[in-house]
Amino acid sequence: MSAPEVVRQLVERFEEHKRAYLSPAYLEAQLRQEFLNPFFEALGWDVANKQGYAVQYREVVHEDSIHIKGSPNAKAPDYASCPRSLCHSLP
């Protein structure tokens, strides 16, 4: 199975400007916008909530707060994904 064209383009862009992307001046927010969001969208994720779902039904939630048993603090993963079959079957 070959990678979607978008993914190949992202890899090429990274390789072409690798030095700049590995620089401490390149911010995580830039990485998300330029690479991660397009990558996940190419895989079929609705990263920008184009479907207009309410928060509890979104396929992707940014900086979601999760609680891990035994940890006193909540964690905030950059992306939380809910499979379409599960998200859309919620009441």
PDB file of N, CA and C in Angstrom:
ATOM      1  N   MET A   1       0.844  -1.175   0.000  1.00  0.00           N
ATOM      2  CA  MET A   1       0.000   0.000   0.000  1.00  0.00           C
ATOM      3  C   MET A   1       0.889   1.237   0.000  1.00  0.00           C
ATOM      4  N   SER A   2       0.671   2.107  -0.930  1.00  0.00           N
ATOM      5  CA  SER A   2       1.504   3.304  -1.002  1.00  0.00           C
ATOM      6  C   SER A   2       0.901   4.423  -0.162  1.00  0.00           C
ATOM      7  N   ALA A   3       1.747   5.333   0.237  1.00  0.00           N
ATOM      8  CA  ALA A   3       1.305   6.475   1.048  1.00  0.00           C
ATOM      9  C   ALA A   3       0.502   7.446   0.195  1.00  0.00           C
ATOM     10  N   PRO A   4      -0.488   8.110   0.810  1.00  0.00           N
ATOM     11  CA  PRO A   4      -1.227   9.134   0.061  1.00  0.00           C
ATOM     12  C   PRO A   4      -0.268  10.220  -0.441  1.00  0.00           C
ATOM     13  N   GLU A   5      -0.604  10.832  -1.545  1.00  0.00           N
ATOM     14  CA  GLU A   5       0.238  11.876  -2.149  1.00  0.00           C
ATOM     15  C   GLU A   5       0.571  12.970  -1.146  1.00  0.00           C
ATOM     16  N   VAL A   6      -0.388  13.352  -0.328  1.00  0.00           N
ATOM     17  CA  VAL A   6      -0.154  14.416   0.665  1.00  0.00           C
ATOM     18  C   VAL A   6       0.978  14.021   1.607  1.00  0.00           C
ATOM     19  N   VAL A   7       0.999  12.781   2.034  1.00  0.00           N
ATOM     20  CA  VAL A   7       2.044  12.316   2.954  1.00  0.00           C
ATOM     21  C   VAL A   7       3.404  12.372   2.269  1.00  0.00           C
ATOM     22  N   ARG A   8       3.467  11.944   1.029  1.00  0.00           N
ATOM     23  CA  ARG A   8       4.746  12.028   0.286  1.00  0.00           C
ATOM     24  C   ARG A   8       5.207  13.486   0.169  1.00  0.00           C
ATOM     25  N   GLN A   9       4.284  14.396  -0.082  1.00  0.00           N
ATOM     26  CA  GLN A   9       4.636  15.817  -0.179  1.00  0.00           C
ATOM     27  C   GLN A   9       5.139  16.358   1.154  1.00  0.00           C
ATOM     28  N   LEU A  10       4.522  15.938   2.236  1.00  0.00           N
ATOM     29  CA  LEU A  10       4.975  16.375   3.561  1.00  0.00           C
ATOM     30  C   LEU A  10       6.396  15.895   3.842  1.00  0.00           C
ATOM     31  N   VAL A  11       6.672  14.653   3.494  1.00  0.00           N
ATOM     32  CA  VAL A  11       8.016  14.094   3.691  1.00  0.00           C
ATOM     33  C   VAL A  11       9.030  14.858   2.845  1.00  0.00           C
ATOM     34  N   GLU A  12       8.696  15.122   1.601  1.00  0.00           N
ATOM     35  CA  GLU A  12       9.606  15.865   0.721  1.00  0.00           C
ATOM     36  C   GLU A  12       9.870  17.270   1.262  1.00  0.00           C
ATOM     37  N   ARG A  13       8.808  17.940   1.720  1.00  0.00           N
ATOM     38  CA  ARG A  13       8.982  19.297   2.265  1.00  0.00           C
ATOM     39  C   ARG A  13       9.879  19.270   3.498  1.00  0.00           C
ATOM     40  N   PHE A  14       9.670  18.275   4.359  1.00  0.00           N
ATOM     41  CA  PHE A  14      10.510  18.166   5.546  1.00  0.00           C
ATOM     42  C   PHE A  14      11.965  17.954   5.157  1.00  0.00           C
ATOM     43  N   GLU A  15      12.212  17.030   4.266  1.00  0.00           N
ATOM     44  CA  GLU A  15      13.579  16.744   3.839  1.00  0.00           C
ATOM     45  C   GLU A  15      14.239  17.973   3.213  1.00  0.00           C
ATOM     46  N   GLU A  16      13.464  18.716   2.445  1.00  0.00           N
ATOM     47  CA  GLU A  16      14.003  19.901   1.769  1.00  0.00           C
ATOM     48  C   GLU A  16      14.406  21.007   2.753  1.00  0.00           C
ATOM     49  N   HIS A  17      13.686  21.129   3.849  1.00  0.00           N
ATOM     50  CA  HIS A  17      13.934  22.203   4.818  1.00  0.00           C
ATOM     51  C   HIS A  17      14.250  21.649   6.212  1.00  0.00           C
ATOM     52  N   LYS A  18      14.817  20.471   6.252  1.00  0.00           N
ATOM     53  CA  LYS A  18      15.060  19.749   7.495  1.00  0.00           C
ATOM     54  C   LYS A  18      15.796  20.577   8.547  1.00  0.00           C
ATOM     55  N   ARG A  19      16.779  21.295   8.120  1.00  0.00           N
ATOM     56  CA  ARG A  19      17.579  22.088   9.068  1.00  0.00           C
ATOM     57  C   ARG A  19      16.710  23.104   9.815  1.00  0.00           C
ATOM     58  N   ALA A  20      15.834  23.782   9.094  1.00  0.00           N
ATOM     59  CA  ALA A  20      14.951  24.779   9.719  1.00  0.00           C
ATOM     60  C   ALA A  20      13.955  24.109  10.666  1.00  0.00           C
ATOM     61  N   TYR A  21      13.428  22.956  10.270  1.00  0.00           N
ATOM     62  CA  TYR A  21      12.432  22.274  11.097  1.00  0.00           C
ATOM     63  C   TYR A  21      13.034  21.679  12.366  1.00  0.00           C
ATOM     64  N   LEU A  22      14.312  21.361  12.344  1.00  0.00           N
ATOM     65  CA  LEU A  22      14.980  20.823  13.531  1.00  0.00           C
ATOM     66  C   LEU A  22      15.533  21.914  14.438  1.00  0.00           C
ATOM     67  N   SER A  23      15.422  23.140  14.017  1.00  0.00           N
ATOM     68  CA  SER A  23      15.900  24.277  14.804  1.00  0.00           C
ATOM     69  C   SER A  23      15.021  24.495  16.037  1.00  0.00           C
ATOM     70  N   PRO A  24      15.618  24.899  17.161  1.00  0.00           N
ATOM     71  CA  PRO A  24      14.816  25.218  18.348  1.00  0.00           C
ATOM     72  C   PRO A  24      13.819  26.360  18.106  1.00  0.00           C
ATOM     73  N   ALA A  25      14.046  27.154  17.065  1.00  0.00           N
ATOM     74  CA  ALA A  25      13.141  28.263  16.760  1.00  0.00           C
ATOM     75  C   ALA A  25      11.833  27.777  16.122  1.00  0.00           C
ATOM     76  N   TYR A  26      11.832  26.543  15.624  1.00  0.00           N
ATOM     77  CA  TYR A  26      10.623  25.991  15.002  1.00  0.00           C
ATOM     78  C   TYR A  26       9.724  25.461  16.114  1.00  0.00           C
ATOM     79  N   LEU A  27       8.561  26.043  16.252  1.00  0.00           N
ATOM     80  CA  LEU A  27       7.686  25.774  17.382  1.00  0.00           C
ATOM     81  C   LEU A  27       6.756  24.582  17.161  1.00  0.00           C
ATOM     82  N   GLU A  28       6.331  23.994  18.269  1.00  0.00           N
ATOM     83  CA  GLU A  28       5.413  22.859  18.215  1.00  0.00           C
ATOM     84  C   GLU A  28       4.113  23.233  17.486  1.00  0.00           C
ATOM     85  N   ALA A  29       3.614  24.430  17.717  1.00  0.00           N
ATOM     86  CA  ALA A  29       2.382  24.873  17.050  1.00  0.00           C
ATOM     87  C   ALA A  29       2.570  24.914  15.532  1.00  0.00           C
ATOM     88  N   GLN A  30       3.743  25.313  15.086  1.00  0.00           N
ATOM     89  CA  GLN A  30       4.039  25.324  13.652  1.00  0.00           C
ATOM     90  C   GLN A  30       4.064  23.896  13.102  1.00  0.00           C
ATOM     91  N   LEU A  31       4.684  22.999  13.862  1.00  0.00           N
ATOM     92  CA  LEU A  31       4.745  21.599  13.463  1.00  0.00           C
ATOM     93  C   LEU A  31       3.344  21.025  13.287  1.00  0.00           C
ATOM     94  N   ARG A  32       2.474  21.296  14.247  1.00  0.00           N
ATOM     95  CA  ARG A  32       1.101  20.801  14.160  1.00  0.00           C
ATOM     96  C   ARG A  32       0.399  21.323  12.908  1.00  0.00           C
ATOM     97  N   GLN A  33       0.504  22.627  12.695  1.00  0.00           N
ATOM     98  CA  GLN A  33      -0.200  23.254  11.577  1.00  0.00           C
ATOM     99  C   GLN A  33       0.351  22.804  10.219  1.00  0.00           C
ATOM    100  N   GLU A  34       1.655  22.720  10.103  1.00  0.00           N
ATOM    101  CA  GLU A  34       2.277  22.437   8.812  1.00  0.00           C
ATOM    102  C   GLU A  34       2.412  20.952   8.482  1.00  0.00           C
ATOM    103  N   PHE A  35       2.500  20.107   9.518  1.00  0.00           N
ATOM    104  CA  PHE A  35       2.746  18.691   9.261  1.00  0.00           C
ATOM    105  C   PHE A  35       1.716  17.748   9.891  1.00  0.00           C
ATOM    106  N   LEU A  36       1.482  17.864  11.177  1.00  0.00           N
ATOM    107  CA  LEU A  36       0.618  16.886  11.834  1.00  0.00           C
ATOM    108  C   LEU A  36      -0.834  16.956  11.371  1.00  0.00           C
ATOM    109  N   ASN A  37      -1.403  18.158  11.339  1.00  0.00           N
ATOM    110  CA  ASN A  37      -2.800  18.257  10.894  1.00  0.00           C
ATOM    111  C   ASN A  37      -2.979  17.737   9.465  1.00  0.00           C
ATOM    112  N   PRO A  38      -2.149  18.176   8.507  1.00  0.00           N
ATOM    113  CA  PRO A  38      -2.300  17.622   7.151  1.00  0.00           C
ATOM    114  C   PRO A  38      -2.075  16.108   7.096  1.00  0.00           C
ATOM    115  N   PHE A  39      -1.156  15.599   7.906  1.00  0.00           N
ATOM    116  CA  PHE A  39      -0.900  14.160   7.939  1.00  0.00           C
ATOM    117  C   PHE A  39      -2.142  13.402   8.406  1.00  0.00           C
ATOM    118  N   PHE A  40      -2.708  13.825   9.540  1.00  0.00           N
ATOM    119  CA  PHE A  40      -3.889  13.145  10.063  1.00  0.00           C
ATOM    120  C   PHE A  40      -5.090  13.311   9.127  1.00  0.00           C
ATOM    121  N   GLU A  41      -5.222  14.464   8.488  1.00  0.00           N
ATOM    122  CA  GLU A  41      -6.308  14.661   7.522  1.00  0.00           C
ATOM    123  C   GLU A  41      -6.149  13.710   6.333  1.00  0.00           C
ATOM    124  N   ALA A  42      -4.911  13.488   5.907  1.00  0.00           N
ATOM    125  CA  ALA A  42      -4.659  12.558   4.799  1.00  0.00           C
ATOM    126  C   ALA A  42      -5.054  11.131   5.174  1.00  0.00           C
ATOM    127  N   LEU A  43      -5.014  10.832   6.470  1.00  0.00           N
ATOM    128  CA  LEU A  43      -5.415   9.514   6.951  1.00  0.00           C
ATOM    129  C   LEU A  43      -6.915   9.432   7.223  1.00  0.00           C
ATOM    130  N   GLY A  44      -7.626  10.535   6.979  1.00  0.00           N
ATOM    131  CA  GLY A  44      -9.078  10.525   7.124  1.00  0.00           C
ATOM    132  C   GLY A  44      -9.620  11.114   8.413  1.00  0.00           C
ATOM    133  N   TRP A  45      -8.759  11.665   9.257  1.00  0.00           N
ATOM    134  CA  TRP A  45      -9.231  12.282  10.498  1.00  0.00           C
ATOM    135  C   TRP A  45      -9.853  13.634  10.202  1.00  0.00           C
ATOM    136  N   ASP A  46     -10.919  13.967  10.885  1.00  0.00           N
ATOM    137  CA  ASP A  46     -11.557  15.287  10.763  1.00  0.00           C
ATOM    138  C   ASP A  46     -10.940  16.216  11.817  1.00  0.00           C
ATOM    139  N   VAL A  47      -9.703  16.607  11.590  1.00  0.00           N
ATOM    140  CA  VAL A  47      -8.922  17.391  12.548  1.00  0.00           C
ATOM    141  C   VAL A  47      -9.555  18.754  12.833  1.00  0.00           C
ATOM    142  N   ALA A  48     -10.125  19.396  11.826  1.00  0.00           N
ATOM    143  CA  ALA A  48     -10.691  20.741  11.973  1.00  0.00           C
ATOM    144  C   ALA A  48     -12.184  20.715  12.287  1.00  0.00           C
ATOM    145  N   ASN A  49     -12.736  19.543  12.545  1.00  0.00           N
ATOM    146  CA  ASN A  49     -14.166  19.389  12.815  1.00  0.00           C
ATOM    147  C   ASN A  49     -15.021  20.012  11.719  1.00  0.00           C
ATOM    148  N   LYS A  50     -14.702  19.673  10.486  1.00  0.00           N
ATOM    149  CA  LYS A  50     -15.448  20.195   9.341  1.00  0.00           C
ATOM    150  C   LYS A  50     -16.896  19.710   9.340  1.00  0.00           C
ATOM    151  N   GLN A  51     -17.162  18.623  10.046  1.00  0.00           N
ATOM    152  CA  GLN A  51     -18.524  18.102  10.133  1.00  0.00           C
ATOM    153  C   GLN A  51     -19.390  18.928  11.094  1.00  0.00           C
ATOM    154  N   GLY A  52     -18.751  19.740  11.928  1.00  0.00           N
ATOM    155  CA  GLY A  52     -19.489  20.612  12.845  1.00  0.00           C
ATOM    156  C   GLY A  52     -20.107  19.903  14.035  1.00  0.00           C
ATOM    157  N   TYR A  53     -19.500  18.808  14.466  1.00  0.00           N
ATOM    158  CA  TYR A  53     -20.032  18.069  15.604  1.00  0.00           C
ATOM    159  C   TYR A  53     -19.807  18.811  16.917  1.00  0.00           C
ATOM    160  N   ALA A  54     -20.685  18.577  17.887  1.00  0.00           N
ATOM    161  CA  ALA A  54     -20.499  19.096  19.242  1.00  0.00           C
ATOM    162  C   ALA A  54     -19.241  18.448  19.814  1.00  0.00           C
ATOM    163  N   VAL A  55     -18.663  19.080  20.822  1.00  0.00           N
ATOM    164  CA  VAL A  55     -17.382  18.626  21.376  1.00  0.00           C
ATOM    165  C   VAL A  55     -17.391  17.137  21.712  1.00  0.00           C
ATOM    166  N   GLN A  56     -18.427  16.654  22.339  1.00  0.00           N
ATOM    167  CA  GLN A  56     -18.441  15.252  22.773  1.00  0.00           C
ATOM    168  C   GLN A  56     -18.530  14.262  21.614  1.00  0.00           C
ATOM    169  N   TYR A  57     -18.832  14.723  20.391  1.00  0.00           N
ATOM    170  CA  TYR A  57     -18.947  13.827  19.246  1.00  0.00           C
ATOM    171  C   TYR A  57     -17.835  14.014  18.213  1.00  0.00           C
ATOM    172  N   ARG A  58     -16.910  14.899  18.452  1.00  0.00           N
ATOM    173  CA  ARG A  58     -15.838  15.151  17.488  1.00  0.00           C
ATOM    174  C   ARG A  58     -14.921  13.949  17.359  1.00  0.00           C
ATOM    175  N   GLU A  59     -14.405  13.762  16.162  1.00  0.00           N
ATOM    176  CA  GLU A  59     -13.459  12.677  15.925  1.00  0.00           C
ATOM    177  C   GLU A  59     -12.093  12.992  16.520  1.00  0.00           C
ATOM    178  N   VAL A  60     -11.756  14.271  16.585  1.00  0.00           N
ATOM    179  CA  VAL A  60     -10.466  14.697  17.130  1.00  0.00           C
ATOM    180  C   VAL A  60     -10.709  15.844  18.100  1.00  0.00           C
ATOM    181  N   VAL A  61     -10.129  15.727  19.282  1.00  0.00           N
ATOM    182  CA  VAL A  61     -10.208  16.798  20.273  1.00  0.00           C
ATOM    183  C   VAL A  61      -8.778  17.227  20.557  1.00  0.00           C
ATOM    184  N   HIS A  62      -8.501  18.509  20.420  1.00  0.00           N
ATOM    185  CA  HIS A  62      -7.166  19.056  20.666  1.00  0.00           C
ATOM    186  C   HIS A  62      -6.997  19.369  22.142  1.00  0.00           C
ATOM    187  N   GLU A  63      -5.849  18.996  22.672  1.00  0.00           N
ATOM    188  CA  GLU A  63      -5.497  19.292  24.066  1.00  0.00           C
ATOM    189  C   GLU A  63      -6.574  18.827  25.034  1.00  0.00           C
ATOM    190  N   ASP A  64      -7.133  17.661  24.791  1.00  0.00           N
ATOM    191  CA  ASP A  64      -8.165  17.097  25.652  1.00  0.00           C
ATOM    192  C   ASP A  64      -7.568  16.802  27.020  1.00  0.00           C
ATOM    193  N   SER A  65      -8.352  16.906  28.055  1.00  0.00           N
ATOM    194  CA  SER A  65      -7.896  16.627  29.410  1.00  0.00           C
ATOM    195  C   SER A  65      -8.328  15.215  29.782  1.00  0.00           C
ATOM    196  N   ILE A  66      -7.344  14.393  30.142  1.00  0.00           N
ATOM    197  CA  ILE A  66      -7.669  13.029  30.557  1.00  0.00           C
ATOM    198  C   ILE A  66      -7.085  12.783  31.939  1.00  0.00           C
ATOM    199  N   HIS A  67      -7.739  11.928  32.681  1.00  0.00           N
ATOM    200  CA  HIS A  67      -7.283  11.573  34.019  1.00  0.00           C
ATOM    201  C   HIS A  67      -6.822  10.123  34.005  1.00  0.00           C
ATOM    202  N   ILE A  68      -5.632   9.910  34.549  1.00  0.00           N
ATOM    203  CA  ILE A  68      -5.044   8.572  34.586  1.00  0.00           C
ATOM    204  C   ILE A  68      -5.069   8.082  36.028  1.00  0.00           C
ATOM    205  N   LYS A  69      -5.603   6.895  36.219  1.00  0.00           N
ATOM    206  CA  LYS A  69      -5.706   6.317  37.552  1.00  0.00           C
ATOM    207  C   LYS A  69      -4.342   6.313  38.243  1.00  0.00           C
ATOM    208  N   GLY A  70      -4.309   6.822  39.460  1.00  0.00           N
ATOM    209  CA  GLY A  70      -3.078   6.853  40.228  1.00  0.00           C
ATOM    210  C   GLY A  70      -2.258   8.116  40.034  1.00  0.00           C
ATOM    211  N   SER A  71      -2.654   8.967  39.088  1.00  0.00           N
ATOM    212  CA  SER A  71      -1.934  10.217  38.851  1.00  0.00           C
ATOM    213  C   SER A  71      -2.753  11.373  39.407  1.00  0.00           C
ATOM    214  N   PRO A  72      -2.137  12.238  40.211  1.00  0.00           N
ATOM    215  CA  PRO A  72      -2.892  13.348  40.803  1.00  0.00           C
ATOM    216  C   PRO A  72      -3.245  14.452  39.788  1.00  0.00           C
ATOM    217  N   ASN A  73      -2.562  14.481  38.668  1.00  0.00           N
ATOM    218  CA  ASN A  73      -2.778  15.552  37.686  1.00  0.00           C
ATOM    219  C   ASN A  73      -3.393  15.014  36.399  1.00  0.00           C
ATOM    220  N   ALA A  74      -4.198  15.849  35.780  1.00  0.00           N
ATOM    221  CA  ALA A  74      -4.751  15.494  34.470  1.00  0.00           C
ATOM    222  C   ALA A  74      -3.653  15.641  33.426  1.00  0.00           C
ATOM    223  N   LYS A  75      -3.729  14.866  32.388  1.00  0.00           N
ATOM    224  CA  LYS A  75      -2.791  14.941  31.267  1.00  0.00           C
ATOM    225  C   LYS A  75      -3.520  15.563  30.088  1.00  0.00           C
ATOM    226  N   ALA A  76      -2.774  16.178  29.190  1.00  0.00           N
ATOM    227  CA  ALA A  76      -3.376  16.821  28.019  1.00  0.00           C
ATOM    228  C   ALA A  76      -2.646  16.388  26.755  1.00  0.00           C
ATOM    229  N   PRO A  77      -3.097  15.295  26.141  1.00  0.00           N
ATOM    230  CA  PRO A  77      -2.473  14.896  24.883  1.00  0.00           C
ATOM    231  C   PRO A  77      -2.770  15.923  23.795  1.00  0.00           C
ATOM    232  N   ASP A  78      -1.861  16.078  22.847  1.00  0.00           N
ATOM    233  CA  ASP A  78      -2.063  17.041  21.766  1.00  0.00           C
ATOM    234  C   ASP A  78      -3.305  16.709  20.948  1.00  0.00           C
ATOM    235  N   TYR A  79      -3.530  15.425  20.705  1.00  0.00           N
ATOM    236  CA  TYR A  79      -4.677  14.983  19.920  1.00  0.00           C
ATOM    237  C   TYR A  79      -5.309  13.777  20.616  1.00  0.00           C
ATOM    238  N   ALA A  80      -6.615  13.772  20.683  1.00  0.00           N
ATOM    239  CA  ALA A  80      -7.353  12.584  21.116  1.00  0.00           C
ATOM    240  C   ALA A  80      -8.310  12.255  19.985  1.00  0.00           C
ATOM    241  N   SER A  81      -8.312  11.005  19.570  1.00  0.00           N
ATOM    242  CA  SER A  81      -9.157  10.611  18.446  1.00  0.00           C
ATOM    243  C   SER A  81     -10.181   9.590  18.898  1.00  0.00           C
ATOM    244  N   CYS A  82     -11.357   9.724  18.352  1.00  0.00           N
ATOM    245  CA  CYS A  82     -12.432   8.788  18.617  1.00  0.00           C
ATOM    246  C   CYS A  82     -12.815   8.153  17.291  1.00  0.00           C
ATOM    247  N   PRO A  83     -12.771   6.824  17.201  1.00  0.00           N
ATOM    248  CA  PRO A  83     -13.148   6.178  15.948  1.00  0.00           C
ATOM    249  C   PRO A  83     -14.564   6.564  15.525  1.00  0.00           C
ATOM    250  N   ARG A  84     -14.752   6.748  14.238  1.00  0.00           N
ATOM    251  CA  ARG A  84     -16.060   7.159  13.709  1.00  0.00           C
ATOM    252  C   ARG A  84     -17.179   6.248  14.216  1.00  0.00           C
ATOM    253  N   SER A  85     -16.933   4.959  14.219  1.00  0.00           N
ATOM    254  CA  SER A  85     -17.980   4.026  14.614  1.00  0.00           C
ATOM    255  C   SER A  85     -18.411   4.232  16.060  1.00  0.00           C
ATOM    256  N   LEU A  86     -17.495   4.664  16.910  1.00  0.00           N
ATOM    257  CA  LEU A  86     -17.821   4.900  18.315  1.00  0.00           C
ATOM    258  C   LEU A  86     -18.369   6.300  18.526  1.00  0.00           C
ATOM    259  N   CYS A  87     -17.710   7.299  17.989  1.00  0.00           N
ATOM    260  CA  CYS A  87     -18.130   8.694  18.188  1.00  0.00           C
ATOM    261  C   CYS A  87     -19.555   8.933  17.709  1.00  0.00           C
ATOM    262  N   HIS A  88     -19.876   8.404  16.560  1.00  0.00           N
ATOM    263  CA  HIS A  88     -21.163   8.695  15.954  1.00  0.00           C
ATOM    264  C   HIS A  88     -22.285   7.824  16.496  1.00  0.00           C
ATOM    265  N   SER A  89     -21.941   6.844  17.346  1.00  0.00           N
ATOM    266  CA  SER A  89     -22.981   6.012  17.919  1.00  0.00           C
ATOM    267  C   SER A  89     -23.352   6.464  19.321  1.00  0.00           C
ATOM    268  N   LEU A  90     -22.668   7.480  19.823  1.00  0.00           N
ATOM    269  CA  LEU A  90     -22.981   7.983  21.159  1.00  0.00           C
ATOM    270  C   LEU A  90     -24.338   8.659  21.164  1.00  0.00           C
ATOM    271  N   PRO A  91     -25.036   8.618  22.295  1.00  0.00           N
ATOM    272  CA  PRO A  91     -26.375   9.248  22.357  1.00  0.00           C
ATOM    273  C   PRO A  91     -26.299  10.747  22.215  1.00  0.00           C
TER     274      PRO A  91
END
